[in-house]
């Protein structure tokens, strides 16, 4: 079964909603399972719970069948996302344009060419979809409003 992973912020920002909307659209089109991922940073005191993440996503998009909600803890968001994507053996990773700039900074420290998509393709062997708010699907709710 194909797997789509989408990292998001909590509470959901406008960019996270756009990225999540695109991920939902791709998962439906590919008949894929969807993993919604949030990373709690060790250095922050606020800890998001899986139930909070699920509730926020379902309030914005309705019930999403074949969706897992995952909250991981880590020191670096990007590294934790890479670990989860590899663990899920994701076929597609959907990231927001703001995430790309943060990943670019991290990669710049590791290699001389900060091409995020190329780096992720080499590290993960999966498709990378980058979403800007303008790319967001026009329909905000793709599932039913029931839980």
C-alpha atoms as a PDB file:
ATOM      1  CA  UNK A   1       0.000   0.000   0.000  1.00  0.00           C
ATOM      2  CA  UNK A   2       1.462   3.419  -0.919  1.00  0.00           C
ATOM      3  CA  UNK A   3       2.335   5.702   1.997  1.00  0.00           C
ATOM      4  CA  UNK A   4       2.199   9.523   2.136  1.00  0.00           C
ATOM      5  CA  UNK A   5       3.820  11.332   5.075  1.00  0.00           C
ATOM      6  CA  UNK A   6       3.107  14.978   5.865  1.00  0.00           C
ATOM      7  CA  UNK A   7       4.846  16.815   8.711  1.00  0.00           C
ATOM      8  CA  UNK A   8       2.788  19.672  10.200  1.00  0.00           C
ATOM      9  CA  UNK A   9       2.980  22.253  12.946  1.00  0.00           C
ATOM     10  CA  UNK A  10       0.562  22.353  15.859  1.00  0.00           C
ATOM     11  CA  UNK A  11      -1.555  24.333  16.159  1.00  0.00           C
ATOM     12  CA  UNK A  12      -2.097  24.095  12.419  1.00  0.00           C
ATOM     13  CA  UNK A  13      -0.748  27.184  10.667  1.00  0.00           C
ATOM     14  CA  UNK A  14      -1.995  28.405   7.287  1.00  0.00           C
ATOM     15  CA  UNK A  15       1.038  26.764   5.683  1.00  0.00           C
ATOM     16  CA  UNK A  16       0.410  23.498   7.535  1.00  0.00           C
ATOM     17  CA  UNK A  17      -3.206  23.519   6.329  1.00  0.00           C
ATOM     18  CA  UNK A  18      -2.069  24.057   2.732  1.00  0.00           C
ATOM     19  CA  UNK A  19       0.514  21.284   3.000  1.00  0.00           C
ATOM     20  CA  UNK A  20      -1.949  18.931   4.659  1.00  0.00           C
ATOM     21  CA  UNK A  21      -4.617  19.685   2.048  1.00  0.00           C
ATOM     22  CA  UNK A  22      -2.209  18.749  -0.739  1.00  0.00           C
ATOM     23  CA  UNK A  23      -1.137  15.585   1.098  1.00  0.00           C
ATOM     24  CA  UNK A  24      -4.773  14.523   1.536  1.00  0.00           C
ATOM     25  CA  UNK A  25      -5.405  15.150  -2.149  1.00  0.00           C
ATOM     26  CA  UNK A  26      -2.347  13.064  -3.134  1.00  0.00           C
ATOM     27  CA  UNK A  27      -3.238  10.229  -0.741  1.00  0.00           C
ATOM     28  CA  UNK A  28      -6.755  10.048  -2.186  1.00  0.00           C
ATOM     29  CA  UNK A  29      -5.483  10.165  -5.784  1.00  0.00           C
ATOM     30  CA  UNK A  30      -2.885   7.436  -5.120  1.00  0.00           C
ATOM     31  CA  UNK A  31      -5.184   5.339  -2.890  1.00  0.00           C
ATOM     32  CA  UNK A  32      -2.489   5.675  -0.235  1.00  0.00           C
ATOM     33  CA  UNK A  33      -2.363   5.619   3.536  1.00  0.00           C
ATOM     34  CA  UNK A  34      -1.607   8.992   5.105  1.00  0.00           C
ATOM     35  CA  UNK A  35       0.604   9.706   8.112  1.00  0.00           C
ATOM     36  CA  UNK A  36       0.237  13.149   9.702  1.00  0.00           C
ATOM     37  CA  UNK A  37       3.399  13.852  11.687  1.00  0.00           C
ATOM     38  CA  UNK A  38       4.159  16.473  14.312  1.00  0.00           C
ATOM     39  CA  UNK A  39       7.521  16.820  16.069  1.00  0.00           C
ATOM     40  CA  UNK A  40       7.721  17.913  19.701  1.00  0.00           C
ATOM     41  CA  UNK A  41      11.105  19.536  20.193  1.00  0.00           C
ATOM     42  CA  UNK A  42      12.968  18.487  23.330  1.00  0.00           C
ATOM     43  CA  UNK A  43      13.933  22.096  23.979  1.00  0.00           C
ATOM     44  CA  UNK A  44      10.282  23.310  24.037  1.00  0.00           C
ATOM     45  CA  UNK A  45       8.161  22.794  27.119  1.00  0.00           C
ATOM     46  CA  UNK A  46       4.812  22.329  25.311  1.00  0.00           C
ATOM     47  CA  UNK A  47       4.111  18.733  24.326  1.00  0.00           C
ATOM     48  CA  UNK A  48       1.440  18.023  21.744  1.00  0.00           C
ATOM     49  CA  UNK A  49      -0.502  14.801  22.200  1.00  0.00           C
ATOM     50  CA  UNK A  50      -1.616  12.586  19.342  1.00  0.00           C
ATOM     51  CA  UNK A  51      -5.278  13.167  20.244  1.00  0.00           C
ATOM     52  CA  UNK A  52      -4.785  16.959  20.015  1.00  0.00           C
ATOM     53  CA  UNK A  53      -3.200  16.624  16.584  1.00  0.00           C
ATOM     54  CA  UNK A  54      -5.971  14.332  15.337  1.00  0.00           C
ATOM     55  CA  UNK A  55      -8.702  16.634  16.680  1.00  0.00           C
ATOM     56  CA  UNK A  56      -7.158  19.707  15.007  1.00  0.00           C
ATOM     57  CA  UNK A  57      -6.792  17.953  11.648  1.00  0.00           C
ATOM     58  CA  UNK A  58     -10.323  16.539  11.747  1.00  0.00           C
ATOM     59  CA  UNK A  59     -11.752  19.945  12.694  1.00  0.00           C
ATOM     60  CA  UNK A  60     -10.080  21.417   9.615  1.00  0.00           C
ATOM     61  CA  UNK A  61     -10.616  18.553   7.127  1.00  0.00           C
ATOM     62  CA  UNK A  62     -13.191  16.174   8.573  1.00  0.00           C
ATOM     63  CA  UNK A  63     -12.631  12.493   9.313  1.00  0.00           C
ATOM     64  CA  UNK A  64      -9.812  11.092   7.183  1.00  0.00           C
ATOM     65  CA  UNK A  65      -9.949   7.336   6.642  1.00  0.00           C
ATOM     66  CA  UNK A  66      -6.646   5.408   6.491  1.00  0.00           C
ATOM     67  CA  UNK A  67      -4.846   8.161   8.381  1.00  0.00           C
ATOM     68  CA  UNK A  68      -2.350   7.732  11.219  1.00  0.00           C
ATOM     69  CA  UNK A  69      -1.503  10.572  13.555  1.00  0.00           C
ATOM     70  CA  UNK A  70       2.047  10.431  14.885  1.00  0.00           C
ATOM     71  CA  UNK A  71       3.791  12.676  17.390  1.00  0.00           C
ATOM     72  CA  UNK A  72       7.539  12.194  17.789  1.00  0.00           C
ATOM     73  CA  UNK A  73      10.054  13.977  19.981  1.00  0.00           C
ATOM     74  CA  UNK A  74      13.420  15.134  18.757  1.00  0.00           C
ATOM     75  CA  UNK A  75      16.154  17.723  18.990  1.00  0.00           C
ATOM     76  CA  UNK A  76      15.959  18.704  15.302  1.00  0.00           C
ATOM     77  CA  UNK A  77      12.654  18.714  13.433  1.00  0.00           C
ATOM     78  CA  UNK A  78      14.259  17.812  10.120  1.00  0.00           C
ATOM     79  CA  UNK A  79      16.200  14.843  11.491  1.00  0.00           C
ATOM     80  CA  UNK A  80      13.118  13.493  13.273  1.00  0.00           C
ATOM     81  CA  UNK A  81      11.085  13.816  10.068  1.00  0.00           C
ATOM     82  CA  UNK A  82      13.770  11.952   8.110  1.00  0.00           C
ATOM     83  CA  UNK A  83      13.742   9.165  10.701  1.00  0.00           C
ATOM     84  CA  UNK A  84       9.951   8.836  10.575  1.00  0.00           C
ATOM     85  CA  UNK A  85       9.824   8.930   6.775  1.00  0.00           C
ATOM     86  CA  UNK A  86      12.427   6.172   6.605  1.00  0.00           C
ATOM     87  CA  UNK A  87      10.622   4.116   9.276  1.00  0.00           C
ATOM     88  CA  UNK A  88       7.313   4.443   7.410  1.00  0.00           C
ATOM     89  CA  UNK A  89       9.007   3.572   4.107  1.00  0.00           C
ATOM     90  CA  UNK A  90       7.088   6.495   2.624  1.00  0.00           C
ATOM     91  CA  UNK A  91       6.490   6.712  -1.099  1.00  0.00           C
ATOM     92  CA  UNK A  92       5.714  10.443  -0.967  1.00  0.00           C
ATOM     93  CA  UNK A  93       6.663  13.161   1.510  1.00  0.00           C
ATOM     94  CA  UNK A  94       4.737  16.422   1.322  1.00  0.00           C
ATOM     95  CA  UNK A  95       6.525  19.395   2.841  1.00  0.00           C
ATOM     96  CA  UNK A  96       5.651  23.060   3.011  1.00  0.00           C
ATOM     97  CA  UNK A  97       7.770  25.724   1.359  1.00  0.00           C
ATOM     98  CA  UNK A  98       8.681  27.125   4.785  1.00  0.00           C
ATOM     99  CA  UNK A  99      10.020  23.714   5.804  1.00  0.00           C
ATOM    100  CA  UNK A 100      12.193  23.686   2.691  1.00  0.00           C
ATOM    101  CA  UNK A 101      14.031  26.816   3.819  1.00  0.00           C
ATOM    102  CA  UNK A 102      14.710  25.303   7.270  1.00  0.00           C
ATOM    103  CA  UNK A 103      15.893  22.059   5.673  1.00  0.00           C
ATOM    104  CA  UNK A 104      18.093  24.057   3.302  1.00  0.00           C
ATOM    105  CA  UNK A 105      19.877  25.618   6.280  1.00  0.00           C
ATOM    106  CA  UNK A 106      20.421  22.215   7.875  1.00  0.00           C
ATOM    107  CA  UNK A 107      21.701  20.697   4.624  1.00  0.00           C
ATOM    108  CA  UNK A 108      23.943  23.699   3.986  1.00  0.00           C
ATOM    109  CA  UNK A 109      25.776  22.728   7.181  1.00  0.00           C
ATOM    110  CA  UNK A 110      26.264  19.186   5.868  1.00  0.00           C
ATOM    111  CA  UNK A 111      27.017  19.677   2.164  1.00  0.00           C
ATOM    112  CA  UNK A 112      28.024  22.485  -0.160  1.00  0.00           C
ATOM    113  CA  UNK A 113      24.902  22.334  -2.386  1.00  0.00           C
ATOM    114  CA  UNK A 114      21.721  22.958  -0.369  1.00  0.00           C
ATOM    115  CA  UNK A 115      19.310  21.335  -2.852  1.00  0.00           C
ATOM    116  CA  UNK A 116      16.730  19.997  -0.399  1.00  0.00           C
ATOM    117  CA  UNK A 117      14.771  17.860  -2.817  1.00  0.00           C
ATOM    118  CA  UNK A 118      17.931  16.247  -4.217  1.00  0.00           C
ATOM    119  CA  UNK A 119      19.281  15.574  -0.732  1.00  0.00           C
ATOM    120  CA  UNK A 120      16.007  14.004   0.417  1.00  0.00           C
ATOM    121  CA  UNK A 121      15.768  11.892  -2.723  1.00  0.00           C
ATOM    122  CA  UNK A 122      19.286  10.577  -2.103  1.00  0.00           C
ATOM    123  CA  UNK A 123      18.603   9.918   1.574  1.00  0.00           C
ATOM    124  CA  UNK A 124      15.060   8.574   1.365  1.00  0.00           C
ATOM    125  CA  UNK A 125      14.390   7.213  -2.107  1.00  0.00           C
ATOM    126  CA  UNK A 126      10.884   8.671  -2.265  1.00  0.00           C
ATOM    127  CA  UNK A 127       9.000  11.421  -4.068  1.00  0.00           C
ATOM    128  CA  UNK A 128       9.157  14.868  -2.465  1.00  0.00           C
ATOM    129  CA  UNK A 129       6.279  17.301  -3.020  1.00  0.00           C
ATOM    130  CA  UNK A 130       6.827  20.906  -1.964  1.00  0.00           C
ATOM    131  CA  UNK A 131       3.691  22.968  -1.303  1.00  0.00           C
ATOM    132  CA  UNK A 132       3.250  26.737  -1.199  1.00  0.00           C
ATOM    133  CA  UNK A 133       0.017  28.247   0.200  1.00  0.00           C
ATOM    134  CA  UNK A 134      -1.000  29.026  -3.395  1.00  0.00           C
ATOM    135  CA  UNK A 135      -0.827  25.276  -4.185  1.00  0.00           C
ATOM    136  CA  UNK A 136      -3.440  24.418  -1.584  1.00  0.00           C
ATOM    137  CA  UNK A 137      -6.540  22.655  -2.864  1.00  0.00           C
ATOM    138  CA  UNK A 138      -9.513  25.013  -3.126  1.00  0.00           C
ATOM    139  CA  UNK A 139     -11.748  22.595  -1.233  1.00  0.00           C
ATOM    140  CA  UNK A 140     -10.794  22.714   2.469  1.00  0.00           C
ATOM    141  CA  UNK A 141     -12.713  19.644   3.598  1.00  0.00           C
ATOM    142  CA  UNK A 142     -12.159  16.367   1.788  1.00  0.00           C
ATOM    143  CA  UNK A 143     -13.673  13.970   4.326  1.00  0.00           C
ATOM    144  CA  UNK A 144     -16.966  13.803   6.143  1.00  0.00           C
ATOM    145  CA  UNK A 145     -17.364  15.818   9.322  1.00  0.00           C
ATOM    146  CA  UNK A 146     -18.056  12.722  11.425  1.00  0.00           C
ATOM    147  CA  UNK A 147     -15.303  11.297  13.673  1.00  0.00           C
END
